[in-house]
Amino acid sequence: MQADPVLTNLRKGVLEHCVLAVLRDDEVYGVDLAHRLVEAGLLASEGSLYPLLARLRSADMVSTRWQESPSGPPRRYYRLTPAGLSAVDRFIDIWRPFSRAVDTIFERTS
């Protein structure tokens, strides 16, 4: 089943910052990060996450490290850099009043 285009556009608009927000507290293995985002309804498939993580790495918003896995190949873990923390904090400062404004408009028109 194809996702609603409105939902797809909303996801695209916030996914990068949601990834950064998940990484605020701890470094996360890529597959675990994907599962968290899928469970939250923010990611349709794991395949779209890795190009985003590569862009965030190129922009110096996340860093990575490899760790041996008890089963299988080594795992890449992602963590927030100071630039990534600054970006997510700025997004949150803008998002909260913006989302409240949208909610206010919706409540007035329903």
N, C-alpha and C. Protein backbone atom coordinates (compact mmCIF):
# COMPACT_ATOMS: atom_id res chain seq x y z
N MET A 1 0.84 -1.18 0.00
CA MET A 1 0.00 0.00 0.00
C MET A 1 0.89 1.25 0.00
N GLN A 2 0.58 2.19 -0.86
CA GLN A 2 1.37 3.41 -1.00
C GLN A 2 1.00 4.41 0.10
N ALA A 3 2.02 5.06 0.67
CA ALA A 3 1.79 6.05 1.72
C ALA A 3 1.12 7.28 1.12
N ASP A 4 0.34 7.94 1.93
CA ASP A 4 -0.32 9.17 1.53
C ASP A 4 0.75 10.21 1.22
N PRO A 5 0.63 10.97 0.11
CA PRO A 5 1.65 11.96 -0.24
C PRO A 5 1.85 13.03 0.84
N VAL A 6 0.80 13.37 1.56
CA VAL A 6 0.94 14.36 2.64
C VAL A 6 1.85 13.80 3.73
N LEU A 7 1.60 12.55 4.12
CA LEU A 7 2.44 11.91 5.14
C LEU A 7 3.88 11.77 4.65
N THR A 8 4.06 11.41 3.40
CA THR A 8 5.41 11.28 2.83
C THR A 8 6.15 12.61 2.92
N ASN A 9 5.50 13.70 2.57
CA ASN A 9 6.15 15.01 2.63
C ASN A 9 6.44 15.44 4.06
N LEU A 10 5.54 15.15 4.98
CA LEU A 10 5.80 15.47 6.38
C LEU A 10 7.00 14.70 6.91
N ARG A 11 7.06 13.43 6.58
CA ARG A 11 8.20 12.61 7.00
C ARG A 11 9.50 13.19 6.46
N LYS A 12 9.52 13.53 5.17
CA LYS A 12 10.73 14.09 4.55
C LYS A 12 11.16 15.37 5.26
N GLY A 13 10.20 16.16 5.69
CA GLY A 13 10.52 17.44 6.31
C GLY A 13 11.11 17.33 7.70
N VAL A 14 10.82 16.25 8.41
CA VAL A 14 11.28 16.16 9.80
C VAL A 14 12.24 15.02 10.08
N LEU A 15 12.39 14.10 9.15
CA LEU A 15 13.16 12.89 9.43
C LEU A 15 14.60 13.18 9.86
N GLU A 16 15.26 14.08 9.14
CA GLU A 16 16.65 14.38 9.48
C GLU A 16 16.80 14.81 10.94
N HIS A 17 15.92 15.67 11.37
CA HIS A 17 16.02 16.17 12.74
C HIS A 17 15.54 15.14 13.77
N CYS A 18 14.64 14.28 13.37
CA CYS A 18 14.25 13.19 14.27
C CYS A 18 15.40 12.21 14.46
N VAL A 19 16.16 11.95 13.41
CA VAL A 19 17.35 11.10 13.53
C VAL A 19 18.32 11.74 14.51
N LEU A 20 18.57 13.04 14.33
CA LEU A 20 19.48 13.73 15.25
C LEU A 20 18.96 13.68 16.68
N ALA A 21 17.66 13.82 16.86
CA ALA A 21 17.08 13.80 18.20
C ALA A 21 17.26 12.44 18.86
N VAL A 22 17.10 11.37 18.10
CA VAL A 22 17.31 10.02 18.65
C VAL A 22 18.75 9.86 19.10
N LEU A 23 19.67 10.47 18.39
CA LEU A 23 21.09 10.34 18.70
C LEU A 23 21.55 11.28 19.81
N ARG A 24 20.67 12.13 20.31
CA ARG A 24 21.06 13.08 21.37
C ARG A 24 21.53 12.38 22.63
N ASP A 25 20.91 11.28 22.98
CA ASP A 25 21.19 10.64 24.26
C ASP A 25 22.28 9.58 24.22
N ASP A 26 22.49 8.97 23.05
CA ASP A 26 23.43 7.86 23.01
C ASP A 26 23.75 7.54 21.56
N GLU A 27 24.87 6.86 21.35
CA GLU A 27 25.16 6.37 20.01
C GLU A 27 24.26 5.17 19.74
N VAL A 28 23.92 4.99 18.47
CA VAL A 28 22.95 3.95 18.12
C VAL A 28 23.44 3.20 16.88
N TYR A 29 23.28 1.90 16.90
CA TYR A 29 23.56 1.04 15.75
C TYR A 29 22.54 1.36 14.67
N GLY A 30 22.97 1.40 13.41
CA GLY A 30 22.11 1.80 12.31
C GLY A 30 20.78 1.05 12.24
N VAL A 31 20.83 -0.26 12.37
CA VAL A 31 19.60 -1.06 12.29
C VAL A 31 18.66 -0.71 13.44
N ASP A 32 19.21 -0.51 14.64
CA ASP A 32 18.37 -0.14 15.78
C ASP A 32 17.73 1.24 15.56
N LEU A 33 18.50 2.15 14.99
CA LEU A 33 17.97 3.47 14.67
C LEU A 33 16.81 3.36 13.69
N ALA A 34 16.99 2.56 12.67
CA ALA A 34 15.92 2.36 11.68
C ALA A 34 14.68 1.78 12.34
N HIS A 35 14.84 0.78 13.19
CA HIS A 35 13.69 0.16 13.85
C HIS A 35 12.94 1.18 14.72
N ARG A 36 13.67 2.00 15.45
CA ARG A 36 13.02 3.02 16.28
C ARG A 36 12.19 3.98 15.44
N LEU A 37 12.75 4.39 14.31
CA LEU A 37 12.04 5.34 13.45
C LEU A 37 10.84 4.71 12.76
N VAL A 38 10.97 3.44 12.37
CA VAL A 38 9.83 2.73 11.76
C VAL A 38 8.72 2.57 12.79
N GLU A 39 9.08 2.16 14.01
CA GLU A 39 8.07 1.99 15.07
C GLU A 39 7.36 3.29 15.39
N ALA A 40 8.07 4.41 15.29
CA ALA A 40 7.47 5.71 15.58
C ALA A 40 6.63 6.22 14.41
N GLY A 41 6.67 5.52 13.27
CA GLY A 41 5.90 5.95 12.11
C GLY A 41 6.58 7.05 11.32
N LEU A 42 7.88 7.24 11.53
CA LEU A 42 8.61 8.32 10.86
C LEU A 42 9.39 7.85 9.65
N LEU A 43 9.52 6.56 9.48
CA LEU A 43 10.33 6.00 8.40
C LEU A 43 9.54 4.87 7.78
N ALA A 44 9.38 4.92 6.45
CA ALA A 44 8.63 3.87 5.77
C ALA A 44 9.48 2.61 5.59
N SER A 45 10.78 2.80 5.31
CA SER A 45 11.65 1.64 5.13
C SER A 45 13.08 1.99 5.52
N GLU A 46 13.83 0.97 5.89
CA GLU A 46 15.22 1.17 6.30
C GLU A 46 16.07 1.73 5.17
N GLY A 47 15.74 1.40 3.95
CA GLY A 47 16.54 1.79 2.80
C GLY A 47 16.72 3.29 2.65
N SER A 48 15.75 4.06 3.09
CA SER A 48 15.86 5.51 2.94
C SER A 48 16.69 6.15 4.05
N LEU A 49 17.00 5.41 5.10
CA LEU A 49 17.75 5.97 6.21
C LEU A 49 19.24 6.11 5.91
N TYR A 50 19.82 5.14 5.25
CA TYR A 50 21.27 5.14 5.10
C TYR A 50 21.80 6.28 4.22
N PRO A 51 21.12 6.65 3.14
CA PRO A 51 21.59 7.85 2.41
C PRO A 51 21.51 9.11 3.28
N LEU A 52 20.48 9.20 4.13
CA LEU A 52 20.36 10.34 5.04
C LEU A 52 21.51 10.35 6.04
N LEU A 53 21.83 9.20 6.59
CA LEU A 53 22.96 9.12 7.53
C LEU A 53 24.28 9.49 6.86
N ALA A 54 24.44 9.11 5.61
CA ALA A 54 25.65 9.47 4.87
C ALA A 54 25.73 10.99 4.69
N ARG A 55 24.59 11.63 4.38
CA ARG A 55 24.57 13.09 4.24
C ARG A 55 24.88 13.77 5.58
N LEU A 56 24.31 13.24 6.66
CA LEU A 56 24.58 13.82 7.97
C LEU A 56 26.05 13.66 8.35
N ARG A 57 26.63 12.56 7.96
CA ARG A 57 28.06 12.34 8.21
C ARG A 57 28.91 13.31 7.40
N SER A 58 28.56 13.51 6.15
CA SER A 58 29.28 14.45 5.30
C SER A 58 29.16 15.88 5.81
N ALA A 59 28.03 16.19 6.43
CA ALA A 59 27.79 17.53 6.98
C ALA A 59 28.37 17.67 8.39
N ASP A 60 29.04 16.65 8.87
CA ASP A 60 29.66 16.63 10.20
C ASP A 60 28.62 16.79 11.33
N MET A 61 27.43 16.26 11.11
CA MET A 61 26.41 16.28 12.16
C MET A 61 26.39 14.99 12.95
N VAL A 62 26.90 13.92 12.34
CA VAL A 62 27.06 12.65 13.05
C VAL A 62 28.45 12.11 12.76
N SER A 63 28.94 11.33 13.69
CA SER A 63 30.19 10.59 13.47
C SER A 63 29.86 9.12 13.66
N THR A 64 30.78 8.28 13.22
CA THR A 64 30.54 6.84 13.32
C THR A 64 31.76 6.14 13.88
N ARG A 65 31.50 4.95 14.37
CA ARG A 65 32.58 4.05 14.78
C ARG A 65 32.13 2.63 14.50
N TRP A 66 33.06 1.79 14.22
CA TRP A 66 32.78 0.38 13.97
C TRP A 66 33.04 -0.41 15.25
N GLN A 67 32.19 -1.40 15.47
CA GLN A 67 32.37 -2.28 16.62
C GLN A 67 32.13 -3.71 16.17
N GLU A 68 32.98 -4.59 16.64
CA GLU A 68 32.80 -6.00 16.31
C GLU A 68 31.45 -6.48 16.83
N SER A 69 30.84 -7.36 16.09
CA SER A 69 29.55 -7.93 16.47
C SER A 69 29.76 -9.34 16.98
N PRO A 70 29.00 -9.74 18.00
CA PRO A 70 29.13 -11.12 18.49
C PRO A 70 28.69 -12.14 17.44
N SER A 71 27.86 -11.68 16.51
CA SER A 71 27.42 -12.57 15.43
C SER A 71 27.35 -11.76 14.14
N GLY A 72 28.15 -12.11 13.18
CA GLY A 72 28.12 -11.42 11.90
C GLY A 72 29.19 -10.36 11.77
N PRO A 73 29.02 -9.51 10.75
CA PRO A 73 30.04 -8.49 10.46
C PRO A 73 30.05 -7.37 11.51
N PRO A 74 31.11 -6.55 11.50
CA PRO A 74 31.15 -5.41 12.42
C PRO A 74 29.94 -4.49 12.20
N ARG A 75 29.58 -3.76 13.23
CA ARG A 75 28.43 -2.85 13.18
C ARG A 75 28.90 -1.41 13.22
N ARG A 76 28.20 -0.56 12.47
CA ARG A 76 28.50 0.88 12.49
C ARG A 76 27.55 1.56 13.46
N TYR A 77 28.13 2.27 14.40
CA TYR A 77 27.35 3.03 15.37
C TYR A 77 27.46 4.51 15.04
N TYR A 78 26.34 5.21 15.21
CA TYR A 78 26.25 6.64 14.91
C TYR A 78 26.11 7.42 16.20
N ARG A 79 26.78 8.57 16.24
CA ARG A 79 26.64 9.46 17.40
C ARG A 79 26.59 10.90 16.90
N LEU A 80 25.98 11.73 17.71
CA LEU A 80 25.83 13.15 17.39
C LEU A 80 27.15 13.89 17.59
N THR A 81 27.45 14.81 16.71
CA THR A 81 28.59 15.70 16.88
C THR A 81 28.07 17.01 17.48
N PRO A 82 28.95 17.90 17.90
CA PRO A 82 28.49 19.21 18.39
C PRO A 82 27.64 19.95 17.34
N ALA A 83 28.00 19.84 16.06
CA ALA A 83 27.20 20.49 15.01
C ALA A 83 25.81 19.86 14.92
N GLY A 84 25.73 18.55 15.07
CA GLY A 84 24.43 17.87 15.05
C GLY A 84 23.58 18.26 16.24
N LEU A 85 24.19 18.37 17.40
CA LEU A 85 23.46 18.80 18.60
C LEU A 85 22.92 20.21 18.42
N SER A 86 23.74 21.09 17.88
CA SER A 86 23.30 22.46 17.63
C SER A 86 22.13 22.49 16.65
N ALA A 87 22.21 21.67 15.60
CA ALA A 87 21.14 21.61 14.59
C ALA A 87 19.83 21.11 15.18
N VAL A 88 19.89 20.07 15.98
CA VAL A 88 18.65 19.53 16.55
C VAL A 88 18.07 20.48 17.59
N ASP A 89 18.92 21.11 18.38
CA ASP A 89 18.41 22.09 19.35
C ASP A 89 17.72 23.25 18.65
N ARG A 90 18.33 23.72 17.57
CA ARG A 90 17.71 24.82 16.81
C ARG A 90 16.38 24.39 16.21
N PHE A 91 16.33 23.18 15.66
CA PHE A 91 15.09 22.67 15.08
C PHE A 91 13.99 22.60 16.14
N ILE A 92 14.33 22.10 17.32
CA ILE A 92 13.34 21.99 18.40
C ILE A 92 12.84 23.36 18.80
N ASP A 93 13.73 24.33 18.90
CA ASP A 93 13.32 25.70 19.25
C ASP A 93 12.35 26.29 18.23
N ILE A 94 12.52 25.92 16.97
CA ILE A 94 11.62 26.41 15.92
C ILE A 94 10.36 25.55 15.83
N TRP A 95 10.53 24.24 15.98
CA TRP A 95 9.42 23.30 15.80
C TRP A 95 8.31 23.50 16.83
N ARG A 96 8.66 23.64 18.08
CA ARG A 96 7.64 23.69 19.13
C ARG A 96 6.63 24.82 18.91
N PRO A 97 7.05 26.07 18.75
CA PRO A 97 6.05 27.12 18.51
C PRO A 97 5.35 26.95 17.15
N PHE A 98 6.06 26.43 16.17
CA PHE A 98 5.45 26.21 14.86
C PHE A 98 4.34 25.17 14.95
N SER A 99 4.62 24.05 15.61
CA SER A 99 3.60 22.99 15.71
C SER A 99 2.42 23.45 16.57
N ARG A 100 2.68 24.26 17.60
CA ARG A 100 1.57 24.81 18.39
C ARG A 100 0.71 25.72 17.53
N ALA A 101 1.33 26.52 16.68
CA ALA A 101 0.57 27.41 15.79
C ALA A 101 -0.30 26.61 14.83
N VAL A 102 0.24 25.54 14.28
CA VAL A 102 -0.53 24.68 13.38
C VAL A 102 -1.69 24.05 14.14
N ASP A 103 -1.43 23.52 15.34
CA ASP A 103 -2.49 22.93 16.16
C ASP A 103 -3.59 23.95 16.46
N THR A 104 -3.19 25.17 16.77
CA THR A 104 -4.16 26.23 17.07
C THR A 104 -5.06 26.49 15.87
N ILE A 105 -4.47 26.57 14.70
CA ILE A 105 -5.27 26.80 13.48
C ILE A 105 -6.23 25.64 13.26
N PHE A 106 -5.74 24.42 13.41
CA PHE A 106 -6.60 23.25 13.20
C PHE A 106 -7.74 23.21 14.20
N GLU A 107 -7.47 23.56 15.46
CA GLU A 107 -8.52 23.55 16.47
C GLU A 107 -9.58 24.60 16.19
N ARG A 108 -9.20 25.73 15.65
CA ARG A 108 -10.16 26.79 15.32
C ARG A 108 -11.03 26.42 14.12
N THR A 109 -10.54 25.59 13.24
CA THR A 109 -11.27 25.29 12.01
C THR A 109 -12.01 23.96 12.06
N SER A 110 -11.90 23.25 13.17
CA SER A 110 -12.60 21.96 13.22
C SER A 110 -13.89 22.05 13.99
